[in-house]
Every structure is written in structure tokens, then in C-alpha cells.
Amino acid sequence: MDSLLIWNVRGLCGPSFDRYLKSVCSNIHPAIVALVERRSSDDKAFRCLKRLGFDNFFTLPSTGRSGGLCMGWKSHSLALTI
């Protein structure tokens, strides 16, 4: 069964976060990952999730230093409509 990972992150796609997210994803094999309060550009979030095999994305930009959502999902696991 596929799982869902929702993570309130404090720094996104730095070297340590990238490794840690990869480790978590290899253990739970999520079909959807949602990164909230990410405080980073959409490009960084997309690249991070793309490296982990996610091929569809949705984003809501942060406002200043708060908010923001980046969600990725694997199309071979599910069909998702936003």
C-alpha cells in the first residue's frame, strides 16, 4: 500500500535535507509528498521531488517567510486531480 508524507519543513533541498528526505522516502515509499512551510523557490522544491521519482507537481507559493506548499506524486501510483 502506498503512503502519504506531509512534512512541515524548515529548510528545503539543502544537502542534509535532501539526504534525509531520500532516506525517509526509501523507508515508507510515499505516493504523495507534501512539503509545507518550505520557504524556498518552486524550482528547488520541484528538483528535490523530481530526484526522488515524483513526476507530477502542485505548488502554492510562500508569502514572505511563511506558508508555501509543494506537493509531488507519482502518476504510476495514482491519478490525482487538484
PDB file of N, CA and C in Angstrom:
ATOM      1  N   MET A   1       0.841  -1.178   0.000  1.00  0.00           N
ATOM      2  CA  MET A   1       0.000   0.000   0.000  1.00  0.00           C
ATOM      3  C   MET A   1       0.889   1.246   0.000  1.00  0.00           C
ATOM      4  N   ASP A   2       0.550   2.226  -0.830  1.00  0.00           N
ATOM      5  CA  ASP A   2       1.297   3.473  -0.890  1.00  0.00           C
ATOM      6  C   ASP A   2       0.876   4.374   0.262  1.00  0.00           C
ATOM      7  N   SER A   3       1.779   5.262   0.631  1.00  0.00           N
ATOM      8  CA  SER A   3       1.504   6.153   1.755  1.00  0.00           C
ATOM      9  C   SER A   3       1.615   7.609   1.329  1.00  0.00           C
ATOM     10  N   LEU A   4       1.290   8.471   2.257  1.00  0.00           N
ATOM     11  CA  LEU A   4       1.312   9.915   2.069  1.00  0.00           C
ATOM     12  C   LEU A   4       2.253  10.505   3.108  1.00  0.00           C
ATOM     13  N   LEU A   5       3.133  11.398   2.678  1.00  0.00           N
ATOM     14  CA  LEU A   5       4.045  12.080   3.584  1.00  0.00           C
ATOM     15  C   LEU A   5       3.750  13.570   3.536  1.00  0.00           C
ATOM     16  N   ILE A   6       3.361  14.146   4.667  1.00  0.00           N
ATOM     17  CA  ILE A   6       3.166  15.589   4.788  1.00  0.00           C
ATOM     18  C   ILE A   6       4.195  16.068   5.793  1.00  0.00           C
ATOM     19  N   TRP A   7       5.025  17.022   5.380  1.00  0.00           N
ATOM     20  CA  TRP A   7       6.153  17.426   6.209  1.00  0.00           C
ATOM     21  C   TRP A   7       6.208  18.946   6.294  1.00  0.00           C
ATOM     22  N   ASN A   8       6.205  19.453   7.513  1.00  0.00           N
ATOM     23  CA  ASN A   8       6.394  20.878   7.762  1.00  0.00           C
ATOM     24  C   ASN A   8       7.904  21.101   7.868  1.00  0.00           C
ATOM     25  N   VAL A   9       8.506  21.523   6.779  1.00  0.00           N
ATOM     26  CA  VAL A   9       9.967  21.633   6.709  1.00  0.00           C
ATOM     27  C   VAL A   9      10.439  23.025   7.065  1.00  0.00           C
ATOM     28  N   ARG A  10      11.663  23.112   7.584  1.00  0.00           N
ATOM     29  CA  ARG A  10      12.236  24.406   7.945  1.00  0.00           C
ATOM     30  C   ARG A  10      13.357  24.819   7.006  1.00  0.00           C
ATOM     31  N   GLY A  11      13.746  23.978   6.145  1.00  0.00           N
ATOM     32  CA  GLY A  11      14.761  24.288   5.146  1.00  0.00           C
ATOM     33  C   GLY A  11      14.616  23.256   4.062  1.00  0.00           C
ATOM     34  N   LEU A  12      14.649  23.670   2.837  1.00  0.00           N
ATOM     35  CA  LEU A  12      14.337  22.721   1.785  1.00  0.00           C
ATOM     36  C   LEU A  12      15.483  22.560   0.819  1.00  0.00           C
ATOM     37  N   CYS A  13      15.792  21.346   0.551  1.00  0.00           N
ATOM     38  CA  CYS A  13      16.715  20.955  -0.510  1.00  0.00           C
ATOM     39  C   CYS A  13      18.149  21.384  -0.271  1.00  0.00           C
ATOM     40  N   GLY A  14      18.514  21.617   0.971  1.00  0.00           N
ATOM     41  CA  GLY A  14      19.924  21.716   1.303  1.00  0.00           C
ATOM     42  C   GLY A  14      20.484  20.300   1.282  1.00  0.00           C
ATOM     43  N   PRO A  15      21.790  20.146   1.344  1.00  0.00           N
ATOM     44  CA  PRO A  15      22.378  18.812   1.261  1.00  0.00           C
ATOM     45  C   PRO A  15      21.872  17.853   2.344  1.00  0.00           C
ATOM     46  N   SER A  16      21.734  18.314   3.559  1.00  0.00           N
ATOM     47  CA  SER A  16      21.292  17.409   4.623  1.00  0.00           C
ATOM     48  C   SER A  16      19.812  17.072   4.488  1.00  0.00           C
ATOM     49  N   PHE A  17      18.988  18.045   4.091  1.00  0.00           N
ATOM     50  CA  PHE A  17      17.562  17.770   3.925  1.00  0.00           C
ATOM     51  C   PHE A  17      17.340  16.782   2.795  1.00  0.00           C
ATOM     52  N   ASP A  18      18.041  16.972   1.704  1.00  0.00           N
ATOM     53  CA  ASP A  18      17.920  16.089   0.540  1.00  0.00           C
ATOM     54  C   ASP A  18      18.196  14.637   0.929  1.00  0.00           C
ATOM     55  N   ARG A  19      19.284  14.413   1.654  1.00  0.00           N
ATOM     56  CA  ARG A  19      19.640  13.061   2.089  1.00  0.00           C
ATOM     57  C   ARG A  19      18.591  12.489   3.036  1.00  0.00           C
ATOM     58  N   TYR A  20      18.114  13.312   3.962  1.00  0.00           N
ATOM     59  CA  TYR A  20      17.144  12.841   4.941  1.00  0.00           C
ATOM     60  C   TYR A  20      15.809  12.503   4.278  1.00  0.00           C
ATOM     61  N   LEU A  21      15.344  13.347   3.367  1.00  0.00           N
ATOM     62  CA  LEU A  21      14.096  13.074   2.667  1.00  0.00           C
ATOM     63  C   LEU A  21      14.224  11.800   1.837  1.00  0.00           C
ATOM     64  N   LYS A  22      15.366  11.609   1.192  1.00  0.00           N
ATOM     65  CA  LYS A  22      15.591  10.391   0.412  1.00  0.00           C
ATOM     66  C   LYS A  22      15.520   9.161   1.312  1.00  0.00           C
ATOM     67  N   SER A  23      16.109   9.250   2.490  1.00  0.00           N
ATOM     68  CA  SER A  23      16.082   8.140   3.446  1.00  0.00           C
ATOM     69  C   SER A  23      14.657   7.831   3.900  1.00  0.00           C
ATOM     70  N   VAL A  24      13.902   8.877   4.241  1.00  0.00           N
ATOM     71  CA  VAL A  24      12.515   8.684   4.680  1.00  0.00           C
ATOM     72  C   VAL A  24      11.689   8.065   3.557  1.00  0.00           C
ATOM     73  N   CYS A  25      11.839   8.577   2.343  1.00  0.00           N
ATOM     74  CA  CYS A  25      11.061   8.063   1.209  1.00  0.00           C
ATOM     75  C   CYS A  25      11.428   6.618   0.880  1.00  0.00           C
ATOM     76  N   SER A  26      12.682   6.241   1.059  1.00  0.00           N
ATOM     77  CA  SER A  26      13.058   4.852   0.768  1.00  0.00           C
ATOM     78  C   SER A  26      12.483   3.892   1.805  1.00  0.00           C
ATOM     79  N   ASN A  27      12.163   4.391   2.991  1.00  0.00           N
ATOM     80  CA  ASN A  27      11.576   3.535   4.029  1.00  0.00           C
ATOM     81  C   ASN A  27      10.062   3.407   3.913  1.00  0.00           C
ATOM     82  N   ILE A  28       9.369   4.492   3.564  1.00  0.00           N
ATOM     83  CA  ILE A  28       7.904   4.437   3.564  1.00  0.00           C
ATOM     84  C   ILE A  28       7.284   4.426   2.165  1.00  0.00           C
ATOM     85  N   HIS A  29       8.066   4.682   1.126  1.00  0.00           N
ATOM     86  CA  HIS A  29       7.606   4.643  -0.270  1.00  0.00           C
ATOM     87  C   HIS A  29       6.316   5.433  -0.490  1.00  0.00           C
ATOM     88  N   PRO A  30       6.324   6.734  -0.217  1.00  0.00           N
ATOM     89  CA  PRO A  30       5.088   7.508  -0.378  1.00  0.00           C
ATOM     90  C   PRO A  30       4.724   7.710  -1.848  1.00  0.00           C
ATOM     91  N   ALA A  31       3.424   7.684  -2.118  1.00  0.00           N
ATOM     92  CA  ALA A  31       2.935   8.010  -3.456  1.00  0.00           C
ATOM     93  C   ALA A  31       2.770   9.517  -3.594  1.00  0.00           C
ATOM     94  N   ILE A  32       2.577  10.202  -2.456  1.00  0.00           N
ATOM     95  CA  ILE A  32       2.429  11.662  -2.430  1.00  0.00           C
ATOM     96  C   ILE A  32       3.322  12.217  -1.327  1.00  0.00           C
ATOM     97  N   VAL A  33       4.044  13.283  -1.639  1.00  0.00           N
ATOM     98  CA  VAL A  33       4.812  14.029  -0.639  1.00  0.00           C
ATOM     99  C   VAL A  33       4.355  15.473  -0.707  1.00  0.00           C
ATOM    100  N   ALA A  34       3.975  16.030   0.441  1.00  0.00           N
ATOM    101  CA  ALA A  34       3.590  17.439   0.535  1.00  0.00           C
ATOM    102  C   ALA A  34       4.555  18.118   1.501  1.00  0.00           C
ATOM    103  N   LEU A  35       5.250  19.126   1.013  1.00  0.00           N
ATOM    104  CA  LEU A  35       6.202  19.888   1.819  1.00  0.00           C
ATOM    105  C   LEU A  35       5.577  21.247   2.100  1.00  0.00           C
ATOM    106  N   VAL A  36       5.323  21.536   3.369  1.00  0.00           N
ATOM    107  CA  VAL A  36       4.666  22.790   3.746  1.00  0.00           C
ATOM    108  C   VAL A  36       5.623  23.671   4.532  1.00  0.00           C
ATOM    109  N   GLU A  37       5.340  24.989   4.542  1.00  0.00           N
ATOM    110  CA  GLU A  37       6.208  25.978   5.198  1.00  0.00           C
ATOM    111  C   GLU A  37       7.636  25.843   4.678  1.00  0.00           C
ATOM    112  N   ARG A  38       7.787  25.740   3.377  1.00  0.00           N
ATOM    113  CA  ARG A  38       9.084  25.385   2.798  1.00  0.00           C
ATOM    114  C   ARG A  38      10.056  26.539   2.634  1.00  0.00           C
ATOM    115  N   ARG A  39       9.567  27.767   2.517  1.00  0.00           N
ATOM    116  CA  ARG A  39      10.433  28.956   2.412  1.00  0.00           C
ATOM    117  C   ARG A  39      11.501  28.847   1.339  1.00  0.00           C
ATOM    118  N   SER A  40      11.146  28.318   0.214  1.00  0.00           N
ATOM    119  CA  SER A  40      12.118  28.210  -0.877  1.00  0.00           C
ATOM    120  C   SER A  40      11.400  28.397  -2.208  1.00  0.00           C
ATOM    121  N   SER A  41      12.179  28.484  -3.264  1.00  0.00           N
ATOM    122  CA  SER A  41      11.583  28.670  -4.587  1.00  0.00           C
ATOM    123  C   SER A  41      10.931  27.375  -5.056  1.00  0.00           C
ATOM    124  N   ASP A  42       9.989  27.526  -5.961  1.00  0.00           N
ATOM    125  CA  ASP A  42       9.326  26.359  -6.543  1.00  0.00           C
ATOM    126  C   ASP A  42      10.331  25.464  -7.257  1.00  0.00           C
ATOM    127  N   ASP A  43      11.291  26.066  -7.958  1.00  0.00           N
ATOM    128  CA  ASP A  43      12.272  25.284  -8.703  1.00  0.00           C
ATOM    129  C   ASP A  43      13.051  24.340  -7.797  1.00  0.00           C
ATOM    130  N   LYS A  44      13.477  24.828  -6.643  1.00  0.00           N
ATOM    131  CA  LYS A  44      14.216  23.975  -5.703  1.00  0.00           C
ATOM    132  C   LYS A  44      13.359  22.817  -5.224  1.00  0.00           C
ATOM    133  N   ALA A  45      12.107  23.105  -4.903  1.00  0.00           N
ATOM    134  CA  ALA A  45      11.200  22.062  -4.425  1.00  0.00           C
ATOM    135  C   ALA A  45      10.945  21.025  -5.520  1.00  0.00           C
ATOM    136  N   PHE A  46      10.699  21.484  -6.754  1.00  0.00           N
ATOM    137  CA  PHE A  46      10.453  20.553  -7.854  1.00  0.00           C
ATOM    138  C   PHE A  46      11.667  19.674  -8.118  1.00  0.00           C
ATOM    139  N   ARG A  47      12.849  20.273  -8.150  1.00  0.00           N
ATOM    140  CA  ARG A  47      14.069  19.488  -8.394  1.00  0.00           C
ATOM    141  C   ARG A  47      14.254  18.430  -7.318  1.00  0.00           C
ATOM    142  N   CYS A  48      14.010  18.804  -6.080  1.00  0.00           N
ATOM    143  CA  CYS A  48      14.163  17.880  -4.958  1.00  0.00           C
ATOM    144  C   CYS A  48      13.218  16.689  -5.113  1.00  0.00           C
ATOM    145  N   LEU A  49      11.958  16.949  -5.412  1.00  0.00           N
ATOM    146  CA  LEU A  49      10.983  15.869  -5.549  1.00  0.00           C
ATOM    147  C   LEU A  49      11.214  15.061  -6.824  1.00  0.00           C
ATOM    148  N   LYS A  50      11.646  15.728  -7.888  1.00  0.00           N
ATOM    149  CA  LYS A  50      11.908  15.030  -9.146  1.00  0.00           C
ATOM    150  C   LYS A  50      13.036  14.011  -8.984  1.00  0.00           C
ATOM    151  N   ARG A  51      14.065  14.365  -8.222  1.00  0.00           N
ATOM    152  CA  ARG A  51      15.170  13.440  -7.968  1.00  0.00           C
ATOM    153  C   ARG A  51      14.688  12.183  -7.245  1.00  0.00           C
ATOM    154  N   LEU A  52      13.574  12.283  -6.535  1.00  0.00           N
ATOM    155  CA  LEU A  52      13.042  11.142  -5.794  1.00  0.00           C
ATOM    156  C   LEU A  52      12.013  10.344  -6.592  1.00  0.00           C
ATOM    157  N   GLY A  53      11.795  10.705  -7.846  1.00  0.00           N
ATOM    158  CA  GLY A  53      10.930   9.928  -8.720  1.00  0.00           C
ATOM    159  C   GLY A  53       9.502  10.436  -8.855  1.00  0.00           C
ATOM    160  N   PHE A  54       9.203  11.599  -8.294  1.00  0.00           N
ATOM    161  CA  PHE A  54       7.867  12.170  -8.445  1.00  0.00           C
ATOM    162  C   PHE A  54       7.801  12.883  -9.786  1.00  0.00           C
ATOM    163  N   ASP A  55       6.700  12.681 -10.502  1.00  0.00           N
ATOM    164  CA  ASP A  55       6.627  13.229 -11.855  1.00  0.00           C
ATOM    165  C   ASP A  55       5.472  14.211 -12.073  1.00  0.00           C
ATOM    166  N   ASN A  56       4.648  14.450 -11.064  1.00  0.00           N
ATOM    167  CA  ASN A  56       3.584  15.448 -11.138  1.00  0.00           C
ATOM    168  C   ASN A  56       3.696  16.353  -9.920  1.00  0.00           C
ATOM    169  N   PHE A  57       3.387  17.643 -10.120  1.00  0.00           N
ATOM    170  CA  PHE A  57       3.613  18.616  -9.055  1.00  0.00           C
ATOM    171  C   PHE A  57       2.484  19.633  -8.963  1.00  0.00           C
ATOM    172  N   PHE A  58       2.320  20.156  -7.760  1.00  0.00           N
ATOM    173  CA  PHE A  58       1.395  21.248  -7.484  1.00  0.00           C
ATOM    174  C   PHE A  58       2.075  22.143  -6.461  1.00  0.00           C
ATOM    175  N   THR A  59       1.922  23.450  -6.612  1.00  0.00           N
ATOM    176  CA  THR A  59       2.559  24.353  -5.666  1.00  0.00           C
ATOM    177  C   THR A  59       1.656  25.538  -5.331  1.00  0.00           C
ATOM    178  N   LEU A  60       1.797  26.004  -4.111  1.00  0.00           N
ATOM    179  CA  LEU A  60       1.244  27.282  -3.668  1.00  0.00           C
ATOM    180  C   LEU A  60       2.436  28.061  -3.124  1.00  0.00           C
ATOM    181  N   PRO A  61       2.679  29.263  -3.624  1.00  0.00           N
ATOM    182  CA  PRO A  61       3.873  29.998  -3.205  1.00  0.00           C
ATOM    183  C   PRO A  61       3.785  30.467  -1.757  1.00  0.00           C
ATOM    184  N   SER A  62       4.959  30.642  -1.166  1.00  0.00           N
ATOM    185  CA  SER A  62       5.012  31.203   0.182  1.00  0.00           C
ATOM    186  C   SER A  62       4.782  32.706   0.100  1.00  0.00           C
ATOM    187  N   THR A  63       4.361  33.268   1.219  1.00  0.00           N
ATOM    188  CA  THR A  63       4.154  34.704   1.326  1.00  0.00           C
ATOM    189  C   THR A  63       5.196  35.218   2.310  1.00  0.00           C
ATOM    190  N   GLY A  64       6.184  35.926   1.791  1.00  0.00           N
ATOM    191  CA  GLY A  64       7.278  36.362   2.654  1.00  0.00           C
ATOM    192  C   GLY A  64       8.029  35.148   3.179  1.00  0.00           C
ATOM    193  N   ARG A  65       8.129  35.052   4.510  1.00  0.00           N
ATOM    194  CA  ARG A  65       8.845  33.932   5.103  1.00  0.00           C
ATOM    195  C   ARG A  65       7.899  32.908   5.724  1.00  0.00           C
ATOM    196  N   SER A  66       6.654  32.891   5.273  1.00  0.00           N
ATOM    197  CA  SER A  66       5.719  31.910   5.818  1.00  0.00           C
ATOM    198  C   SER A  66       4.880  31.287   4.716  1.00  0.00           C
ATOM    199  N   GLY A  67       4.323  30.155   5.019  1.00  0.00           N
ATOM    200  CA  GLY A  67       3.457  29.474   4.075  1.00  0.00           C
ATOM    201  C   GLY A  67       4.211  28.751   2.990  1.00  0.00           C
ATOM    202  N   GLY A  68       3.500  28.389   1.995  1.00  0.00           N
ATOM    203  CA  GLY A  68       4.074  27.682   0.864  1.00  0.00           C
ATOM    204  C   GLY A  68       3.792  26.192   0.945  1.00  0.00           C
ATOM    205  N   LEU A  69       3.447  25.614  -0.181  1.00  0.00           N
ATOM    206  CA  LEU A  69       3.180  24.187  -0.288  1.00  0.00           C
ATOM    207  C   LEU A  69       3.745  23.706  -1.604  1.00  0.00           C
ATOM    208  N   CYS A  70       4.419  22.591  -1.569  1.00  0.00           N
ATOM    209  CA  CYS A  70       4.842  21.916  -2.786  1.00  0.00           C
ATOM    210  C   CYS A  70       4.474  20.456  -2.619  1.00  0.00           C
ATOM    211  N   MET A  71       3.739  19.948  -3.571  1.00  0.00           N
ATOM    212  CA  MET A  71       3.283  18.575  -3.496  1.00  0.00           C
ATOM    213  C   MET A  71       3.711  17.849  -4.757  1.00  0.00           C
ATOM    214  N   GLY A  72       4.202  16.640  -4.580  1.00  0.00           N
ATOM    215  CA  GLY A  72       4.576  15.806  -5.713  1.00  0.00           C
ATOM    216  C   GLY A  72       3.930  14.447  -5.569  1.00  0.00           C
ATOM    217  N   TRP A  73       3.559  13.837  -6.693  1.00  0.00           N
ATOM    218  CA  TRP A  73       3.002  12.498  -6.649  1.00  0.00           C
ATOM    219  C   TRP A  73       3.457  11.720  -7.867  1.00  0.00           C
ATOM    220  N   LYS A  74       3.380  10.408  -7.748  1.00  0.00           N
ATOM    221  CA  LYS A  74       3.825   9.507  -8.801  1.00  0.00           C
ATOM    222  C   LYS A  74       2.624   9.061  -9.623  1.00  0.00           C
ATOM    223  N   SER A  75       2.630   9.394 -10.902  1.00  0.00           N
ATOM    224  CA  SER A  75       1.479   9.122 -11.763  1.00  0.00           C
ATOM    225  C   SER A  75       1.220   7.631 -11.940  1.00  0.00           C
ATOM    226  N   HIS A  76       2.247   6.810 -11.814  1.00  0.00           N
ATOM    227  CA  HIS A  76       2.004   5.361 -11.963  1.00  0.00           C
ATOM    228  C   HIS A  76       1.317   4.773 -10.724  1.00  0.00           C
ATOM    229  N   SER A  77       1.302   5.513  -9.617  1.00  0.00           N
ATOM    230  CA  SER A  77       0.673   5.028  -8.386  1.00  0.00           C
ATOM    231  C   SER A  77      -0.777   5.472  -8.236  1.00  0.00           C
ATOM    232  N   LEU A  78      -1.086   6.676  -8.748  1.00  0.00           N
ATOM    233  CA  LEU A  78      -2.443   7.182  -8.585  1.00  0.00           C
ATOM    234  C   LEU A  78      -2.728   8.297  -9.572  1.00  0.00           C
ATOM    235  N   ALA A  79      -4.011   8.549  -9.770  1.00  0.00           N
ATOM    236  CA  ALA A  79      -4.465   9.679 -10.588  1.00  0.00           C
ATOM    237  C   ALA A  79      -5.019  10.713  -9.607  1.00  0.00           C
ATOM    238  N   LEU A  80      -4.470  11.900  -9.636  1.00  0.00           N
ATOM    239  CA  LEU A  80      -4.844  12.945  -8.690  1.00  0.00           C
ATOM    240  C   LEU A  80      -5.273  14.169  -9.482  1.00  0.00           C
ATOM    241  N   THR A  81      -6.410  14.727  -9.102  1.00  0.00           N
ATOM    242  CA  THR A  81      -6.903  15.958  -9.721  1.00  0.00           C
ATOM    243  C   THR A  81      -6.980  17.033  -8.657  1.00  0.00           C
ATOM    244  N   ILE A  82      -6.370  18.165  -8.920  1.00  0.00           N
ATOM    245  CA  ILE A  82      -6.362  19.283  -7.987  1.00  0.00           C
ATOM    246  C   ILE A  82      -7.503  20.205  -8.339  1.00  0.00           C
TER     247      ILE A  82
END
